[in-house]
């Protein structure tokens, strides 16, 4: 049930986020490959390795995008305590994005955790594994998924402006959140 007040709306500019994501992806990819080359000095070039690496990257990227959204759902359950039946997952072909949502209201502190969980699990973990195993494919997948969390960070940044007990409703079709902030206490209530 929604509160009886008008929500504050947080809406993302998809075109700006996509441009930001391209810039961050490019920068991180260059940075990670440079670090790998400088520190690990085990860089081998062959056409077969390049083609097989590209195929492996595409498959890994698809799996990690799916897992990114699954981790949002896990965050909704673990941090927000929402029931499994309230979860929805899919792809918005018009916007060209995958999405995970719940029809339940979440406290702000839980929504912020659910927003950033995929960054750690599908961005940072593959990057660390890429450096550990000296795997260019994992490093590039990590760079792409870290940059892919730019929208999650933009939402997180906006949610920081609200109290942790504000209630958040995720829009099921658009990258938009509705924030129901608790009423401010008057001086007589303090």
C-alpha atoms as a PDB file:
ATOM      1  CA  UNK A   1       0.000   0.000   0.000  1.00  0.00           C
ATOM      2  CA  UNK A   2       1.345   3.403  -0.976  1.00  0.00           C
ATOM      3  CA  UNK A   3       1.498   6.285   1.492  1.00  0.00           C
ATOM      4  CA  UNK A   4      -1.077   9.077   1.128  1.00  0.00           C
ATOM      5  CA  UNK A   5       1.443  11.655   0.010  1.00  0.00           C
ATOM      6  CA  UNK A   6       2.865  12.739  -3.336  1.00  0.00           C
ATOM      7  CA  UNK A   7       6.211  11.074  -3.913  1.00  0.00           C
ATOM      8  CA  UNK A   8       9.450  12.739  -4.898  1.00  0.00           C
ATOM      9  CA  UNK A   9      10.455  11.339  -8.291  1.00  0.00           C
ATOM     10  CA  UNK A  10      13.990  10.316  -9.187  1.00  0.00           C
ATOM     11  CA  UNK A  11      14.328   9.729 -12.917  1.00  0.00           C
ATOM     12  CA  UNK A  12      17.470   8.973 -14.871  1.00  0.00           C
ATOM     13  CA  UNK A  13      18.435  10.356 -18.268  1.00  0.00           C
ATOM     14  CA  UNK A  14      19.175   7.142 -20.185  1.00  0.00           C
ATOM     15  CA  UNK A  15      21.069   8.869 -23.019  1.00  0.00           C
ATOM     16  CA  UNK A  16      23.401  10.661 -20.589  1.00  0.00           C
ATOM     17  CA  UNK A  17      23.934   7.460 -18.601  1.00  0.00           C
ATOM     18  CA  UNK A  18      24.770   5.521 -21.756  1.00  0.00           C
ATOM     19  CA  UNK A  19      27.365   8.129 -22.736  1.00  0.00           C
ATOM     20  CA  UNK A  20      28.805   8.096 -19.206  1.00  0.00           C
ATOM     21  CA  UNK A  21      28.906   4.303 -19.345  1.00  0.00           C
ATOM     22  CA  UNK A  22      30.793   4.316 -22.680  1.00  0.00           C
ATOM     23  CA  UNK A  23      33.379   6.772 -21.310  1.00  0.00           C
ATOM     24  CA  UNK A  24      33.823   4.824 -18.050  1.00  0.00           C
ATOM     25  CA  UNK A  25      33.969   1.477 -19.876  1.00  0.00           C
ATOM     26  CA  UNK A  26      36.655   2.786 -22.242  1.00  0.00           C
ATOM     27  CA  UNK A  27      38.680   4.322 -19.432  1.00  0.00           C
ATOM     28  CA  UNK A  28      38.506   1.274 -17.180  1.00  0.00           C
ATOM     29  CA  UNK A  29      39.285  -1.111 -20.032  1.00  0.00           C
ATOM     30  CA  UNK A  30      42.400   0.845 -20.955  1.00  0.00           C
ATOM     31  CA  UNK A  31      43.434   1.201 -17.308  1.00  0.00           C
ATOM     32  CA  UNK A  32      42.935  -2.486 -16.452  1.00  0.00           C
ATOM     33  CA  UNK A  33      44.755  -3.716 -19.586  1.00  0.00           C
ATOM     34  CA  UNK A  34      47.614  -1.274 -18.937  1.00  0.00           C
ATOM     35  CA  UNK A  35      47.943  -2.473 -15.336  1.00  0.00           C
ATOM     36  CA  UNK A  36      47.838  -6.080 -16.511  1.00  0.00           C
ATOM     37  CA  UNK A  37      50.521  -5.423 -19.109  1.00  0.00           C
ATOM     38  CA  UNK A  38      52.792  -3.410 -16.791  1.00  0.00           C
ATOM     39  CA  UNK A  39      52.454  -5.578 -13.682  1.00  0.00           C
ATOM     40  CA  UNK A  40      51.979  -9.071 -15.047  1.00  0.00           C
ATOM     41  CA  UNK A  41      53.943  -8.783 -18.321  1.00  0.00           C
ATOM     42  CA  UNK A  42      52.330 -11.937 -19.643  1.00  0.00           C
ATOM     43  CA  UNK A  43      50.688 -10.548 -22.731  1.00  0.00           C
ATOM     44  CA  UNK A  44      50.535 -12.854 -25.707  1.00  0.00           C
ATOM     45  CA  UNK A  45      48.960 -12.018 -29.053  1.00  0.00           C
ATOM     46  CA  UNK A  46      47.548 -14.520 -31.514  1.00  0.00           C
ATOM     47  CA  UNK A  47      44.562 -14.445 -33.832  1.00  0.00           C
ATOM     48  CA  UNK A  48      43.081 -17.620 -32.317  1.00  0.00           C
ATOM     49  CA  UNK A  49      43.465 -16.268 -28.784  1.00  0.00           C
ATOM     50  CA  UNK A  50      41.822 -12.995 -29.833  1.00  0.00           C
ATOM     51  CA  UNK A  51      38.819 -14.674 -31.517  1.00  0.00           C
ATOM     52  CA  UNK A  52      38.283 -17.207 -28.724  1.00  0.00           C
ATOM     53  CA  UNK A  53      38.720 -14.438 -26.127  1.00  0.00           C
ATOM     54  CA  UNK A  54      36.113 -12.298 -27.892  1.00  0.00           C
ATOM     55  CA  UNK A  55      33.597 -15.169 -27.970  1.00  0.00           C
ATOM     56  CA  UNK A  56      34.272 -15.953 -24.322  1.00  0.00           C
ATOM     57  CA  UNK A  57      33.907 -12.243 -23.438  1.00  0.00           C
ATOM     58  CA  UNK A  58      30.515 -11.978 -25.181  1.00  0.00           C
ATOM     59  CA  UNK A  59      29.205 -15.083 -23.403  1.00  0.00           C
ATOM     60  CA  UNK A  60      30.571 -13.951 -20.039  1.00  0.00           C
ATOM     61  CA  UNK A  61      29.162 -10.437 -20.532  1.00  0.00           C
ATOM     62  CA  UNK A  62      25.670 -11.807 -21.239  1.00  0.00           C
ATOM     63  CA  UNK A  63      25.832 -14.070 -18.175  1.00  0.00           C
ATOM     64  CA  UNK A  64      27.064 -11.202 -15.988  1.00  0.00           C
ATOM     65  CA  UNK A  65      24.313  -8.836 -17.198  1.00  0.00           C
ATOM     66  CA  UNK A  66      21.738 -11.468 -16.251  1.00  0.00           C
ATOM     67  CA  UNK A  67      23.458 -11.987 -12.899  1.00  0.00           C
ATOM     68  CA  UNK A  68      23.586  -8.204 -12.355  1.00  0.00           C
ATOM     69  CA  UNK A  69      19.800  -8.075 -12.421  1.00  0.00           C
ATOM     70  CA  UNK A  70      19.478 -11.284 -10.389  1.00  0.00           C
ATOM     71  CA  UNK A  71      21.631  -9.703  -7.680  1.00  0.00           C
ATOM     72  CA  UNK A  72      19.240  -6.740  -7.568  1.00  0.00           C
ATOM     73  CA  UNK A  73      16.447  -9.253  -6.905  1.00  0.00           C
ATOM     74  CA  UNK A  74      18.532 -10.981  -4.244  1.00  0.00           C
ATOM     75  CA  UNK A  75      19.163  -7.572  -2.669  1.00  0.00           C
ATOM     76  CA  UNK A  76      15.431  -6.832  -2.591  1.00  0.00           C
ATOM     77  CA  UNK A  77      14.836 -10.102  -0.738  1.00  0.00           C
ATOM     78  CA  UNK A  78      17.867 -10.045   1.595  1.00  0.00           C
ATOM     79  CA  UNK A  79      17.994  -6.338   2.466  1.00  0.00           C
ATOM     80  CA  UNK A  80      14.328  -5.399   1.950  1.00  0.00           C
ATOM     81  CA  UNK A  81      12.594  -8.586   3.034  1.00  0.00           C
ATOM     82  CA  UNK A  82      10.251  -8.589   0.033  1.00  0.00           C
ATOM     83  CA  UNK A  83       8.482 -11.824  -0.936  1.00  0.00           C
ATOM     84  CA  UNK A  84       9.710 -13.753  -3.967  1.00  0.00           C
ATOM     85  CA  UNK A  85       6.334 -13.354  -5.712  1.00  0.00           C
ATOM     86  CA  UNK A  86       6.753  -9.548  -5.756  1.00  0.00           C
ATOM     87  CA  UNK A  87       9.835  -9.725  -7.999  1.00  0.00           C
ATOM     88  CA  UNK A  88       9.875  -9.052 -11.737  1.00  0.00           C
ATOM     89  CA  UNK A  89      12.731  -9.453 -14.198  1.00  0.00           C
ATOM     90  CA  UNK A  90      13.057  -8.805 -17.901  1.00  0.00           C
ATOM     91  CA  UNK A  91      14.401  -6.775 -20.797  1.00  0.00           C
ATOM     92  CA  UNK A  92      12.999  -3.462 -21.998  1.00  0.00           C
ATOM     93  CA  UNK A  93      13.753  -3.650 -25.720  1.00  0.00           C
ATOM     94  CA  UNK A  94      12.648  -0.052 -26.324  1.00  0.00           C
ATOM     95  CA  UNK A  95      15.223   1.304 -23.874  1.00  0.00           C
ATOM     96  CA  UNK A  96      17.721  -1.478 -24.515  1.00  0.00           C
ATOM     97  CA  UNK A  97      18.110  -2.350 -20.841  1.00  0.00           C
ATOM     98  CA  UNK A  98      17.594  -5.336 -18.600  1.00  0.00           C
ATOM     99  CA  UNK A  99      15.659  -4.684 -15.420  1.00  0.00           C
ATOM    100  CA  UNK A 100      14.821  -6.190 -12.063  1.00  0.00           C
ATOM    101  CA  UNK A 101      12.104  -4.731  -9.894  1.00  0.00           C
ATOM    102  CA  UNK A 102       9.695  -5.369  -7.069  1.00  0.00           C
ATOM    103  CA  UNK A 103       6.200  -4.055  -6.560  1.00  0.00           C
ATOM    104  CA  UNK A 104       6.887  -3.705  -2.817  1.00  0.00           C
ATOM    105  CA  UNK A 105       7.990  -0.549  -1.056  1.00  0.00           C
ATOM    106  CA  UNK A 106      11.521  -0.740   0.337  1.00  0.00           C
ATOM    107  CA  UNK A 107      13.108   1.365   3.058  1.00  0.00           C
ATOM    108  CA  UNK A 108      15.730   3.673   1.600  1.00  0.00           C
ATOM    109  CA  UNK A 109      18.609   1.911   3.380  1.00  0.00           C
ATOM    110  CA  UNK A 110      17.544  -1.428   1.848  1.00  0.00           C
ATOM    111  CA  UNK A 111      17.091   0.020  -1.656  1.00  0.00           C
ATOM    112  CA  UNK A 112      20.563   1.580  -1.566  1.00  0.00           C
ATOM    113  CA  UNK A 113      22.117  -1.790  -0.646  1.00  0.00           C
ATOM    114  CA  UNK A 114      20.097  -3.593  -3.329  1.00  0.00           C
ATOM    115  CA  UNK A 115      21.220  -1.027  -5.910  1.00  0.00           C
ATOM    116  CA  UNK A 116      24.932  -1.546  -5.219  1.00  0.00           C
ATOM    117  CA  UNK A 117      25.027  -5.319  -4.624  1.00  0.00           C
ATOM    118  CA  UNK A 118      25.491  -6.120  -8.361  1.00  0.00           C
ATOM    119  CA  UNK A 119      28.382  -3.649  -8.625  1.00  0.00           C
ATOM    120  CA  UNK A 120      30.348  -5.717  -6.115  1.00  0.00           C
ATOM    121  CA  UNK A 121      29.325  -9.162  -7.325  1.00  0.00           C
ATOM    122  CA  UNK A 122      29.398  -8.717 -11.110  1.00  0.00           C
ATOM    123  CA  UNK A 123      31.872  -5.830 -11.435  1.00  0.00           C
ATOM    124  CA  UNK A 124      34.472  -5.954  -8.689  1.00  0.00           C
ATOM    125  CA  UNK A 125      34.638  -9.759  -8.266  1.00  0.00           C
ATOM    126  CA  UNK A 126      35.409 -10.447 -11.980  1.00  0.00           C
ATOM    127  CA  UNK A 127      37.971  -7.620 -11.980  1.00  0.00           C
ATOM    128  CA  UNK A 128      39.789  -8.992  -8.941  1.00  0.00           C
ATOM    129  CA  UNK A 129      39.615 -12.491 -10.448  1.00  0.00           C
ATOM    130  CA  UNK A 130      40.944 -11.083 -13.738  1.00  0.00           C
ATOM    131  CA  UNK A 131      44.026  -9.674 -12.031  1.00  0.00           C
ATOM    132  CA  UNK A 132      44.480 -12.786  -9.905  1.00  0.00           C
ATOM    133  CA  UNK A 133      44.242 -15.196 -12.872  1.00  0.00           C
ATOM    134  CA  UNK A 134      45.846 -12.740 -15.334  1.00  0.00           C
ATOM    135  CA  UNK A 135      42.734 -12.966 -17.513  1.00  0.00           C
ATOM    136  CA  UNK A 136      42.096 -10.164 -19.997  1.00  0.00           C
ATOM    137  CA  UNK A 137      38.585 -11.505 -20.627  1.00  0.00           C
ATOM    138  CA  UNK A 138      37.675 -11.236 -16.931  1.00  0.00           C
ATOM    139  CA  UNK A 139      39.261  -7.781 -16.670  1.00  0.00           C
ATOM    140  CA  UNK A 140      37.262  -6.484 -19.622  1.00  0.00           C
ATOM    141  CA  UNK A 141      34.044  -8.073 -18.345  1.00  0.00           C
ATOM    142  CA  UNK A 142      34.678  -6.456 -14.961  1.00  0.00           C
ATOM    143  CA  UNK A 143      35.288  -3.065 -16.591  1.00  0.00           C
ATOM    144  CA  UNK A 144      32.066  -3.326 -18.605  1.00  0.00           C
ATOM    145  CA  UNK A 145      29.995  -4.370 -15.569  1.00  0.00           C
ATOM    146  CA  UNK A 146      31.497  -1.723 -13.285  1.00  0.00           C
ATOM    147  CA  UNK A 147      30.595   0.904 -15.892  1.00  0.00           C
ATOM    148  CA  UNK A 148      27.220  -0.776 -16.343  1.00  0.00           C
ATOM    149  CA  UNK A 149      26.418   0.096 -12.733  1.00  0.00           C
ATOM    150  CA  UNK A 150      26.543   3.829 -13.515  1.00  0.00           C
ATOM    151  CA  UNK A 151      22.734   4.011 -13.349  1.00  0.00           C
ATOM    152  CA  UNK A 152      22.704   2.233 -10.003  1.00  0.00           C
ATOM    153  CA  UNK A 153      25.223   4.734  -8.642  1.00  0.00           C
ATOM    154  CA  UNK A 154      23.181   7.656 -10.004  1.00  0.00           C
ATOM    155  CA  UNK A 155      20.088   6.339  -8.184  1.00  0.00           C
ATOM    156  CA  UNK A 156      22.138   5.703  -5.038  1.00  0.00           C
ATOM    157  CA  UNK A 157      23.480   9.263  -5.131  1.00  0.00           C
ATOM    158  CA  UNK A 158      19.949  10.676  -5.335  1.00  0.00           C
ATOM    159  CA  UNK A 159      18.679   8.399  -2.545  1.00  0.00           C
ATOM    160  CA  UNK A 160      21.385   9.690  -0.201  1.00  0.00           C
ATOM    161  CA  UNK A 161      19.403  12.947  -0.038  1.00  0.00           C
ATOM    162  CA  UNK A 162      16.556  11.194   1.779  1.00  0.00           C
ATOM    163  CA  UNK A 163      16.329   9.689   5.265  1.00  0.00           C
ATOM    164  CA  UNK A 164      17.097   5.992   5.614  1.00  0.00           C
ATOM    165  CA  UNK A 165      13.498   5.237   6.620  1.00  0.00           C
ATOM    166  CA  UNK A 166      11.969   6.915   3.531  1.00  0.00           C
ATOM    167  CA  UNK A 167       9.994   4.403   1.489  1.00  0.00           C
ATOM    168  CA  UNK A 168      11.055   3.741  -2.087  1.00  0.00           C
ATOM    169  CA  UNK A 169       8.864   2.395  -4.903  1.00  0.00           C
ATOM    170  CA  UNK A 170      10.638   1.164  -8.030  1.00  0.00           C
ATOM    171  CA  UNK A 171       8.968   1.965 -11.348  1.00  0.00           C
ATOM    172  CA  UNK A 172       8.334  -1.310 -13.213  1.00  0.00           C
ATOM    173  CA  UNK A 173       8.897   0.150 -16.711  1.00  0.00           C
ATOM    174  CA  UNK A 174      11.306   3.066 -16.439  1.00  0.00           C
ATOM    175  CA  UNK A 175      14.549   3.866 -14.603  1.00  0.00           C
ATOM    176  CA  UNK A 176      12.614   5.859 -12.045  1.00  0.00           C
ATOM    177  CA  UNK A 177      12.116   5.710  -8.285  1.00  0.00           C
ATOM    178  CA  UNK A 178       9.314   7.204  -6.218  1.00  0.00           C
ATOM    179  CA  UNK A 179      10.421   8.389  -2.783  1.00  0.00           C
ATOM    180  CA  UNK A 180       7.928   8.706   0.047  1.00  0.00           C
ATOM    181  CA  UNK A 181       9.857  10.656   2.658  1.00  0.00           C
ATOM    182  CA  UNK A 182       8.514  10.591   6.198  1.00  0.00           C
ATOM    183  CA  UNK A 183       6.951  13.838   7.396  1.00  0.00           C
ATOM    184  CA  UNK A 184       9.396  16.172   9.060  1.00  0.00           C
ATOM    185  CA  UNK A 185       9.005  16.529  12.824  1.00  0.00           C
ATOM    186  CA  UNK A 186       7.812  19.895  13.994  1.00  0.00           C
ATOM    187  CA  UNK A 187       9.560  21.661  16.838  1.00  0.00           C
ATOM    188  CA  UNK A 188       6.713  20.754  19.207  1.00  0.00           C
ATOM    189  CA  UNK A 189       7.240  17.016  18.501  1.00  0.00           C
ATOM    190  CA  UNK A 190      10.963  17.052  19.347  1.00  0.00           C
END
